Amino acid sequence: MPRTPVPRAPVPRTPGAFRRDQLAIAALFCFLGFQYATWVSRLPALKDRFGLDETRLGLLLMVCGVGAAVSFPLVARLMRQLGSRRLALWSALALAAVLPALSAAGSYPLALLVVFVDGVAVGCLNVAMNAQGAALEARYGRAAMAQLHATFSAGSLAAALLASGMNVVTHTVSAHFAAAAALLLLLLAAARPRLSADERARGSGRDPGSEQEEATGRAEASEEGAAKGAAKAVRRFAGASGAALWLGCAMVFGTVTEGAMNDWSALYLTAETGASEQFAPLGIAVVSVMMVLARLLGDGWRSRLGDARVVHVGSVVAGTGLALALAAGGTWPALVGFACVGLGMATVTPCLYVAAAAEGPRALALVAALGTTGLLAGPALIGFVAGRTDLTVGMAVVAASALLVSVSARRVTWRRPSEAAPAGVGEDDEGDGAGKGGVGTETGTGAGTGAVEA
């Protein structure tokens, strides 16, 4: 079918423009970390208000995860209809509204409903903000995703500090959540002007349905065309399911590893190494600090080494380091192993999101949903194994999960940085992809994107 160039606005190439756009998207990541950590930090108060036991409190948390996991079909549809910018803004507004709604919930069933809505909105924002990050990398030909993910942790830390400060002033949950919601709205207002608009918002005048059919026809006509990130954004899901599946497997194993470290590291130190209750929190602290530091440096690694090597080496470092620590036994070897997990896994998730975004909105939504499933199922799986053996064996499953990230990622063909071209360069660009959740360039980002092997 004849190819019609898609009109689009020129992309500024100045470092200042890139940094401003990056900060706007970083605000979304910070927003999500801040919002989630805000209400989770008040779980003790919610537990007392509704008279919950540990099982019902765990259900409250699980319902949020279930909402995020089942949001996949909705997210894929909304990404096509709204684009990543509008989906990010609307889902962020919903998340800001969740806080006062949860503080006003008068019963446990109503709280479950509010938290379920929170989970769905989290799933929407998670996909939309990662699509924005992938489009940013494609437009400027620069790696940025690892630092964006670092701001999620920064948002969680800021929420914890606010919760501590509010507890000094007042123990009222409604006052705390109202103040947090106001800060979230200010953060969203600051981010909104610099978020990337989709093609329809820029007035291309093309009908979304005919554009999708045209791109699908091009993808079917040429294997090379099918490998292009922007064309994949509008391919039929069946055609992209192979790539999405392997990326989703890698994401599941990666989030199982991260989630298990959050939930089981402290207990492992006390139950298996004899560490004191005061010492045990150092486990998650070591993982968190190493992860934030690695994400701040990770985009440089991605630019120099490419996403493929970062994922392979990182997952092997995490799995091998933890396995050796478990074999050695003791508190200090365990902390070294935990540090290896934080260092190795920090940039894995950002790389997988970039590769999934290149496969299109359905693939990105699916990979994000599978990642949430890993976070939900991982800690429970480790508990199941530990209950029938011991926690050392359970943590060995975590080490194996990290290594399986590398196995899954090897089924993906990753483009080298030297093969990538910034968006907007050359005749064969397909559009910026910001509104489709994909990478708007022929070859992906400067750090490499993924396509399944033939």
Protein backbone atom coordinates (compact mmCIF):
# COMPACT_ATOMS: atom_id res chain seq x y z
CA MET A 1 0.00 0.00 0.00
CA PRO A 2 1.44 3.45 -0.82
CA ARG A 3 3.09 5.11 2.07
CA THR A 4 1.87 8.50 3.21
CA PRO A 5 4.18 10.48 5.49
CA VAL A 6 2.60 11.48 8.77
CA PRO A 7 2.96 15.21 9.45
CA ARG A 8 4.37 16.08 12.81
CA ALA A 9 5.95 18.95 14.65
CA PRO A 10 9.75 19.20 14.61
CA VAL A 11 11.44 17.89 17.73
CA PRO A 12 13.82 20.28 19.51
CA ARG A 13 17.28 18.80 20.05
CA THR A 14 18.64 21.08 22.75
CA PRO A 15 19.73 19.48 26.04
CA GLY A 16 17.47 21.90 27.88
CA ALA A 17 14.38 20.73 26.00
CA PHE A 18 15.23 17.10 26.65
CA ARG A 19 15.71 17.75 30.35
CA ARG A 20 12.43 19.63 30.67
CA ASP A 21 10.53 16.84 28.93
CA GLN A 22 12.28 14.25 31.09
CA LEU A 23 11.36 16.13 34.26
CA ALA A 24 7.71 16.26 33.20
CA ILE A 25 7.59 12.50 32.72
CA ALA A 26 9.60 11.98 35.90
CA ALA A 27 6.83 13.85 37.71
CA LEU A 28 4.42 11.08 36.65
CA PHE A 29 6.70 8.39 38.08
CA CYS A 30 7.12 10.41 41.27
CA PHE A 31 3.34 10.90 41.36
CA LEU A 32 2.67 7.16 41.27
CA GLY A 33 5.26 6.32 43.92
CA PHE A 34 4.00 9.11 46.16
CA GLN A 35 0.33 8.19 45.81
CA TYR A 36 0.78 4.49 46.51
CA ALA A 37 3.14 4.99 49.43
CA THR A 38 0.79 7.58 50.95
CA TRP A 39 -2.15 5.26 51.55
CA VAL A 40 0.00 2.21 52.27
CA SER A 41 1.78 4.19 54.99
CA ARG A 42 -1.58 4.55 56.80
CA LEU A 43 -2.47 0.86 56.75
CA PRO A 44 -2.23 0.64 60.56
CA ALA A 45 -4.81 3.42 60.87
CA LEU A 46 -7.08 1.79 58.28
CA LYS A 47 -6.70 -1.52 60.07
CA ASP A 48 -7.84 0.03 63.34
CA ARG A 49 -10.71 1.93 61.73
CA PHE A 50 -12.26 -1.14 60.11
CA GLY A 51 -11.20 -3.62 62.80
CA LEU A 52 -9.26 -5.80 60.36
CA ASP A 53 -7.22 -8.88 61.12
CA GLU A 54 -4.08 -9.72 59.15
CA THR A 55 -5.98 -11.76 56.56
CA ARG A 56 -8.48 -9.02 55.74
CA LEU A 57 -5.72 -6.43 55.66
CA GLY A 58 -3.82 -8.62 53.21
CA LEU A 59 -6.96 -8.84 51.09
CA LEU A 60 -7.11 -5.06 50.95
CA LEU A 61 -3.62 -4.98 49.50
CA MET A 62 -4.33 -7.84 47.13
CA VAL A 63 -7.44 -6.16 45.74
CA CYS A 64 -5.30 -3.23 44.64
CA GLY A 65 -2.96 -5.60 42.82
CA VAL A 66 -5.87 -7.47 41.27
CA GLY A 67 -7.28 -4.19 39.95
CA ALA A 68 -3.96 -3.40 38.30
CA ALA A 69 -3.62 -6.91 36.86
CA VAL A 70 -7.11 -7.09 35.34
CA SER A 71 -6.85 -3.59 33.88
CA PHE A 72 -4.94 -4.92 30.83
CA PRO A 73 -7.86 -5.04 28.35
CA LEU A 74 -9.07 -1.60 29.44
CA VAL A 75 -5.59 -0.08 29.28
CA ALA A 76 -4.95 -1.42 25.78
CA ARG A 77 -8.24 0.04 24.56
CA LEU A 78 -7.72 3.40 26.25
CA MET A 79 -4.18 3.68 24.89
CA ARG A 80 -5.55 3.37 21.36
CA GLN A 81 -8.43 5.76 21.94
CA LEU A 82 -6.85 8.41 24.15
CA GLY A 83 -3.10 8.13 23.67
CA SER A 84 -0.58 7.99 26.48
CA ARG A 85 -0.78 11.68 27.40
CA ARG A 86 -4.50 11.89 28.03
CA LEU A 87 -4.57 8.46 29.66
CA ALA A 88 -1.79 9.55 32.02
CA LEU A 89 -3.63 12.75 32.98
CA TRP A 90 -7.02 11.12 33.53
CA SER A 91 -5.62 8.17 35.50
CA ALA A 92 -3.53 10.53 37.63
CA LEU A 93 -6.62 12.57 38.46
CA ALA A 94 -8.40 9.36 39.47
CA LEU A 95 -5.49 8.41 41.73
CA ALA A 96 -5.54 11.82 43.41
CA ALA A 97 -9.29 11.39 44.04
CA VAL A 98 -8.75 7.93 45.54
CA LEU A 99 -7.04 9.35 48.63
CA PRO A 100 -9.94 11.47 49.96
CA ALA A 101 -12.36 8.73 48.86
CA LEU A 102 -10.48 6.15 50.91
CA SER A 103 -10.35 8.42 53.94
CA ALA A 104 -14.13 8.91 53.65
CA ALA A 105 -14.95 5.21 53.16
CA GLY A 106 -17.29 4.19 55.97
CA SER A 107 -17.07 0.42 55.64
CA TYR A 108 -14.62 -2.29 54.70
CA PRO A 109 -16.47 -3.33 51.49
CA LEU A 110 -16.46 0.29 50.32
CA ALA A 111 -12.73 0.53 51.08
CA LEU A 112 -12.19 -2.61 48.97
CA LEU A 113 -14.04 -0.96 46.08
CA VAL A 114 -11.98 2.23 46.35
CA VAL A 115 -8.72 0.28 46.48
CA PHE A 116 -9.77 -1.79 43.46
CA VAL A 117 -10.36 1.44 41.51
CA ASP A 118 -6.95 2.58 42.71
CA GLY A 119 -5.42 -0.58 41.25
CA VAL A 120 -7.08 -0.04 37.86
CA ALA A 121 -5.88 3.57 37.78
CA VAL A 122 -2.38 2.45 38.78
CA GLY A 123 -2.39 0.03 35.83
CA CYS A 124 -3.43 2.81 33.46
CA LEU A 125 -0.86 5.32 34.69
CA ASN A 126 1.88 2.68 34.79
CA VAL A 127 1.45 1.91 31.09
CA ALA A 128 0.92 5.53 30.02
CA MET A 129 3.95 6.95 31.83
CA ASN A 130 6.23 4.19 30.54
CA ALA A 131 4.92 4.85 27.02
CA GLN A 132 5.79 8.52 27.52
CA GLY A 133 9.26 7.53 28.69
CA ALA A 134 9.82 5.28 25.68
CA ALA A 135 8.63 8.02 23.32
CA LEU A 136 11.02 10.48 25.00
CA GLU A 137 13.97 8.17 24.36
CA ALA A 138 12.92 7.70 20.75
CA ARG A 139 12.43 11.40 20.05
CA TYR A 140 15.80 12.47 21.41
CA GLY A 141 17.81 9.29 20.82
CA ARG A 142 18.91 9.33 24.48
CA ALA A 143 18.44 6.86 27.32
CA ALA A 144 16.24 8.14 30.14
CA MET A 145 14.08 5.29 31.46
CA ALA A 146 16.28 4.18 34.35
CA GLN A 147 16.36 7.65 35.87
CA LEU A 148 12.61 7.92 35.40
CA HIS A 149 12.12 4.76 37.43
CA ALA A 150 14.44 6.14 40.10
CA THR A 151 11.98 9.00 40.66
CA PHE A 152 9.29 6.46 41.54
CA SER A 153 11.42 5.48 44.55
CA ALA A 154 11.97 9.14 45.32
CA GLY A 155 8.22 9.66 45.36
CA SER A 156 7.76 6.79 47.78
CA LEU A 157 10.42 8.25 50.06
CA ALA A 158 8.77 11.68 49.94
CA ALA A 159 5.42 10.12 50.87
CA ALA A 160 6.99 8.36 53.84
CA LEU A 161 8.51 11.61 55.05
CA LEU A 162 5.17 13.43 54.66
CA ALA A 163 3.40 10.66 56.57
CA SER A 164 5.88 10.97 59.42
CA GLY A 165 5.49 14.74 59.49
CA MET A 166 1.69 14.60 59.40
CA ASN A 167 1.68 12.13 62.29
CA VAL A 168 3.48 14.75 64.37
CA VAL A 169 0.85 17.38 63.51
CA THR A 170 -2.28 15.21 63.45
CA HIS A 171 -3.28 11.55 63.46
CA THR A 172 -6.29 12.26 61.22
CA VAL A 173 -6.12 10.23 58.03
CA SER A 174 -8.44 12.61 56.17
CA ALA A 175 -6.15 15.60 56.80
CA HIS A 176 -3.10 13.62 55.70
CA PHE A 177 -4.75 12.36 52.52
CA ALA A 178 -6.16 15.80 51.68
CA ALA A 179 -2.70 17.36 51.94
CA ALA A 180 -1.21 14.54 49.86
CA ALA A 181 -3.90 14.91 47.18
CA ALA A 182 -3.23 18.64 46.95
CA LEU A 183 0.49 18.00 46.45
CA LEU A 184 -0.30 15.41 43.78
CA LEU A 185 -2.46 17.87 41.87
CA LEU A 186 0.32 20.46 41.96
CA LEU A 187 2.77 17.87 40.67
CA LEU A 188 0.41 16.91 37.86
CA ALA A 189 -0.16 20.54 36.90
CA ALA A 190 3.59 21.06 36.63
CA ALA A 191 4.00 17.98 34.43
CA ARG A 192 1.05 18.52 32.08
CA PRO A 193 2.46 21.17 29.66
CA ARG A 194 5.54 19.11 28.69
CA LEU A 195 3.94 15.68 28.19
CA SER A 196 4.09 14.40 24.61
CA ALA A 197 0.82 14.66 22.69
CA ASP A 198 -0.31 11.91 20.34
CA GLU A 199 -0.53 12.33 16.57
CA ARG A 200 -4.26 13.05 16.51
CA ALA A 201 -3.77 15.81 19.10
CA ARG A 202 -1.24 17.42 16.80
CA GLY A 203 -3.84 17.60 14.04
CA SER A 204 -2.66 15.02 11.56
CA GLY A 205 -6.24 14.74 10.37
CA ARG A 206 -5.95 10.99 9.86
CA ASP A 207 -8.73 8.67 10.87
CA PRO A 208 -7.48 6.35 13.63
CA GLY A 209 -9.12 3.29 12.10
CA SER A 210 -7.73 3.84 8.60
CA GLU A 211 -4.32 4.64 10.04
CA GLN A 212 -4.36 1.37 11.93
CA GLU A 213 -5.36 -0.59 8.82
CA GLU A 214 -2.62 1.06 6.77
CA ALA A 215 0.05 0.35 9.35
CA THR A 216 -1.16 -3.24 9.70
CA GLY A 217 -0.94 -3.71 5.95
CA ARG A 218 2.61 -2.41 5.87
CA ALA A 219 3.57 -4.71 8.72
CA GLU A 220 2.16 -7.75 6.92
CA ALA A 221 3.79 -6.79 3.63
CA SER A 222 7.34 -6.75 4.95
CA GLU A 223 9.17 -8.55 7.74
CA GLU A 224 11.42 -5.54 8.04
CA GLY A 225 8.43 -3.26 8.36
CA ALA A 226 6.91 -5.54 10.96
CA ALA A 227 10.00 -5.05 13.09
CA LYS A 228 9.62 -1.31 13.24
CA GLY A 229 8.50 0.06 16.55
CA ALA A 230 5.82 2.48 15.33
CA ALA A 231 4.30 -0.07 12.97
CA LYS A 232 4.14 -2.54 15.81
CA ALA A 233 2.11 -0.03 17.77
CA VAL A 234 -0.80 -0.74 15.47
CA ARG A 235 -0.22 -4.39 14.60
CA ARG A 236 -2.78 -6.98 15.53
CA PHE A 237 -2.09 -8.40 18.96
CA ALA A 238 -1.70 -11.93 17.62
CA GLY A 239 1.16 -10.76 15.45
CA ALA A 240 3.01 -9.24 18.39
CA SER A 241 2.12 -11.83 21.02
CA GLY A 242 5.40 -13.73 20.68
CA ALA A 243 7.48 -10.70 21.56
CA ALA A 244 5.04 -9.65 24.27
CA LEU A 245 5.10 -13.14 25.77
CA TRP A 246 8.87 -13.33 26.16
CA LEU A 247 9.07 -9.77 27.44
CA GLY A 248 6.21 -10.58 29.81
CA CYS A 249 8.03 -13.68 31.08
CA ALA A 250 11.13 -11.62 31.75
CA MET A 251 9.01 -9.00 33.52
CA VAL A 252 7.28 -11.63 35.69
CA PHE A 253 10.58 -13.14 36.81
CA GLY A 254 12.02 -9.68 37.42
CA THR A 255 9.09 -8.46 39.52
CA VAL A 256 8.99 -11.76 41.44
CA THR A 257 12.59 -11.05 42.41
CA GLU A 258 11.94 -7.44 43.39
CA GLY A 259 8.72 -8.18 45.28
CA ALA A 260 10.21 -11.09 47.21
CA MET A 261 13.14 -8.96 48.34
CA ASN A 262 10.74 -6.33 49.66
CA ASP A 263 8.64 -8.85 51.58
CA TRP A 264 11.11 -11.51 52.71
CA SER A 265 14.57 -9.97 53.15
CA ALA A 266 13.99 -8.82 56.74
CA LEU A 267 12.46 -12.14 57.77
CA TYR A 268 15.31 -14.06 56.16
CA LEU A 269 17.83 -12.08 58.20
CA THR A 270 16.07 -12.80 61.48
CA ALA A 271 14.94 -16.38 60.85
CA GLU A 272 17.91 -17.79 58.92
CA THR A 273 20.93 -15.70 59.92
CA GLY A 274 20.02 -14.81 63.50
CA ALA A 275 20.04 -11.04 62.97
CA SER A 276 18.30 -8.85 65.52
CA GLU A 277 14.97 -7.13 64.94
CA GLN A 278 16.79 -3.79 64.88
CA PHE A 279 19.24 -5.02 62.25
CA ALA A 280 16.69 -6.73 59.98
CA PRO A 281 15.39 -3.58 58.20
CA LEU A 282 18.87 -3.12 56.75
CA GLY A 283 18.00 -5.86 54.26
CA ILE A 284 15.42 -3.86 52.35
CA ALA A 285 17.43 -0.66 52.94
CA VAL A 286 20.44 -2.16 51.15
CA VAL A 287 18.29 -3.32 48.25
CA SER A 288 16.55 0.07 47.96
CA VAL A 289 19.71 2.18 48.15
CA MET A 290 21.53 0.08 45.56
CA MET A 291 18.50 0.14 43.28
CA VAL A 292 18.14 3.92 43.40
CA LEU A 293 21.87 4.48 42.82
CA ALA A 294 21.95 2.00 39.94
CA ARG A 295 18.93 3.60 38.30
CA LEU A 296 20.50 7.02 38.51
CA LEU A 297 23.54 5.63 36.67
CA GLY A 298 21.66 3.10 34.56
CA ASP A 299 20.91 5.26 31.53
CA GLY A 300 24.63 5.78 31.02
CA TRP A 301 25.12 2.01 31.10
CA ARG A 302 22.30 1.55 28.61
CA SER A 303 23.78 4.11 26.21
CA ARG A 304 27.24 2.53 26.33
CA LEU A 305 26.34 -1.16 26.53
CA GLY A 306 22.84 -1.44 25.08
CA ASP A 307 19.73 -2.77 26.79
CA ALA A 308 20.48 -6.41 25.95
CA ARG A 309 23.76 -6.50 27.86
CA VAL A 310 22.35 -4.48 30.74
CA VAL A 311 19.47 -6.96 31.17
CA HIS A 312 21.62 -10.08 30.80
CA VAL A 313 24.47 -8.93 33.03
CA GLY A 314 22.16 -7.37 35.60
CA SER A 315 19.98 -10.46 36.04
CA VAL A 316 23.01 -12.75 36.22
CA VAL A 317 24.66 -10.51 38.83
CA ALA A 318 21.45 -10.53 40.89
CA GLY A 319 20.83 -14.27 40.67
CA THR A 320 24.44 -15.38 41.10
CA GLY A 321 25.18 -12.92 43.89
CA LEU A 322 22.13 -13.98 45.89
CA ALA A 323 22.80 -17.69 45.30
CA LEU A 324 26.39 -17.39 46.53
CA ALA A 325 25.22 -15.44 49.58
CA LEU A 326 22.70 -18.14 50.46
CA ALA A 327 25.35 -20.82 50.05
CA ALA A 328 27.76 -18.93 52.30
CA GLY A 329 25.16 -18.23 55.01
CA GLY A 330 25.35 -15.50 57.62
CA THR A 331 24.15 -11.95 57.95
CA TRP A 332 26.89 -10.06 56.14
CA PRO A 333 27.00 -12.38 53.10
CA ALA A 334 23.21 -11.98 52.93
CA LEU A 335 23.52 -8.19 52.82
CA VAL A 336 26.08 -8.49 50.02
CA GLY A 337 23.70 -10.77 48.14
CA PHE A 338 20.84 -8.33 48.64
CA ALA A 339 23.04 -5.53 47.33
CA CYS A 340 23.72 -7.62 44.20
CA VAL A 341 19.97 -7.98 43.67
CA GLY A 342 19.40 -4.23 43.98
CA LEU A 343 22.31 -3.44 41.70
CA GLY A 344 21.49 -6.06 39.08
CA MET A 345 17.71 -5.73 38.88
CA ALA A 346 17.54 -1.92 39.00
CA THR A 347 17.73 -1.35 35.25
CA VAL A 348 16.05 -4.56 34.12
CA THR A 349 12.49 -3.29 34.46
CA PRO A 350 13.13 0.03 32.63
CA CYS A 351 14.72 -1.83 29.71
CA LEU A 352 11.80 -4.25 29.48
CA TYR A 353 9.29 -1.39 29.45
CA VAL A 354 11.15 0.28 26.58
CA ALA A 355 11.16 -2.95 24.56
CA ALA A 356 7.47 -3.57 25.32
CA ALA A 357 6.56 -0.03 24.27
CA ALA A 358 8.21 -0.70 20.90
CA GLU A 359 5.78 -3.60 20.45
CA GLY A 360 2.75 -1.34 20.77
CA PRO A 361 0.12 -0.42 23.38
CA ARG A 362 -1.31 -3.93 23.74
CA ALA A 363 2.11 -5.43 24.36
CA LEU A 364 3.01 -2.69 26.83
CA ALA A 365 -0.26 -3.15 28.70
CA LEU A 366 0.21 -6.92 28.79
CA VAL A 367 3.80 -6.73 30.02
CA ALA A 368 2.78 -4.23 32.70
CA ALA A 369 -0.07 -6.52 33.81
CA LEU A 370 2.25 -9.53 33.95
CA GLY A 371 4.67 -7.47 36.00
CA THR A 372 1.91 -6.76 38.49
CA THR A 373 1.09 -10.47 38.55
CA GLY A 374 4.70 -11.19 39.43
CA LEU A 375 4.58 -8.72 42.29
CA LEU A 376 1.40 -10.40 43.57
CA ALA A 377 2.35 -14.02 43.05
CA GLY A 378 6.03 -13.80 43.90
CA PRO A 379 5.86 -13.24 47.66
CA ALA A 380 3.08 -15.83 47.99
CA LEU A 381 5.13 -18.38 46.02
CA ILE A 382 8.16 -17.81 48.22
CA GLY A 383 5.98 -18.21 51.32
CA PHE A 384 4.55 -21.45 49.94
CA VAL A 385 8.02 -22.87 49.28
CA ALA A 386 9.38 -21.67 52.62
CA GLY A 387 6.42 -23.17 54.48
CA ARG A 388 7.26 -26.61 53.13
CA THR A 389 11.04 -26.33 53.36
CA ASP A 390 12.71 -23.26 54.82
CA LEU A 391 13.27 -19.65 53.86
CA THR A 392 16.73 -20.34 52.46
CA VAL A 393 15.16 -22.58 49.82
CA GLY A 394 12.51 -19.94 49.25
CA MET A 395 15.18 -17.30 48.64
CA ALA A 396 16.93 -19.73 46.29
CA VAL A 397 13.76 -19.58 44.19
CA VAL A 398 14.24 -15.80 44.09
CA ALA A 399 17.80 -16.28 42.81
CA ALA A 400 16.54 -18.69 40.15
CA SER A 401 13.85 -16.20 39.14
CA ALA A 402 16.51 -13.53 38.56
CA LEU A 403 18.49 -15.90 36.34
CA LEU A 404 15.34 -16.76 34.37
CA VAL A 405 15.09 -13.08 33.40
CA SER A 406 18.26 -13.56 31.37
CA VAL A 407 16.95 -16.80 29.85
CA SER A 408 13.72 -15.10 28.73
CA ALA A 409 15.53 -12.00 27.47
CA ARG A 410 17.75 -14.13 25.25
CA ARG A 411 14.68 -14.98 23.19
CA VAL A 412 14.46 -11.31 22.28
CA THR A 413 16.55 -9.63 19.58
CA TRP A 414 17.89 -6.38 21.02
CA ARG A 415 19.14 -3.64 18.74
CA ARG A 416 22.58 -2.26 19.45
CA PRO A 417 22.89 1.47 20.19
CA SER A 418 24.86 1.95 16.98
CA GLU A 419 21.91 0.61 14.98
CA ALA A 420 19.40 2.99 16.53
CA ALA A 421 18.47 6.36 15.09
CA PRO A 422 16.71 9.20 16.85
CA ALA A 423 13.08 9.77 15.94
CA GLY A 424 12.50 12.31 13.25
CA VAL A 425 15.62 11.40 11.28
CA GLY A 426 15.30 9.89 7.83
CA GLU A 427 12.41 9.21 5.50
CA ASP A 428 11.19 6.04 7.12
CA ASP A 429 10.06 7.40 10.44
CA GLU A 430 6.54 6.36 11.30
CA GLY A 431 5.58 9.07 13.73
CA ASP A 432 6.50 9.77 17.28
CA GLY A 433 4.32 7.10 18.84
CA ALA A 434 3.64 9.10 21.93
CA GLY A 435 -0.04 8.63 21.60
CA LYS A 436 0.21 4.91 20.87
CA GLY A 437 2.45 3.85 23.63
CA GLY A 438 5.13 2.83 21.20
CA VAL A 439 8.52 4.08 20.22
CA GLY A 440 8.06 6.56 17.42
CA THR A 441 11.09 5.69 15.35
CA GLU A 442 12.18 3.11 12.87
CA THR A 443 14.87 1.56 14.99
CA GLY A 444 13.81 2.31 18.52
CA THR A 445 15.75 4.13 21.21
CA GLY A 446 19.40 4.85 21.48
CA ALA A 447 19.58 2.16 24.11
CA GLY A 448 18.03 -0.61 22.08
CA THR A 449 14.57 -2.09 21.75
CA GLY A 450 13.30 -5.61 21.46
CA ALA A 451 11.76 -7.78 18.77
CA VAL A 452 11.21 -11.49 19.02
CA GLU A 453 13.53 -13.76 17.10
CA ALA A 454 12.21 -15.33 13.92
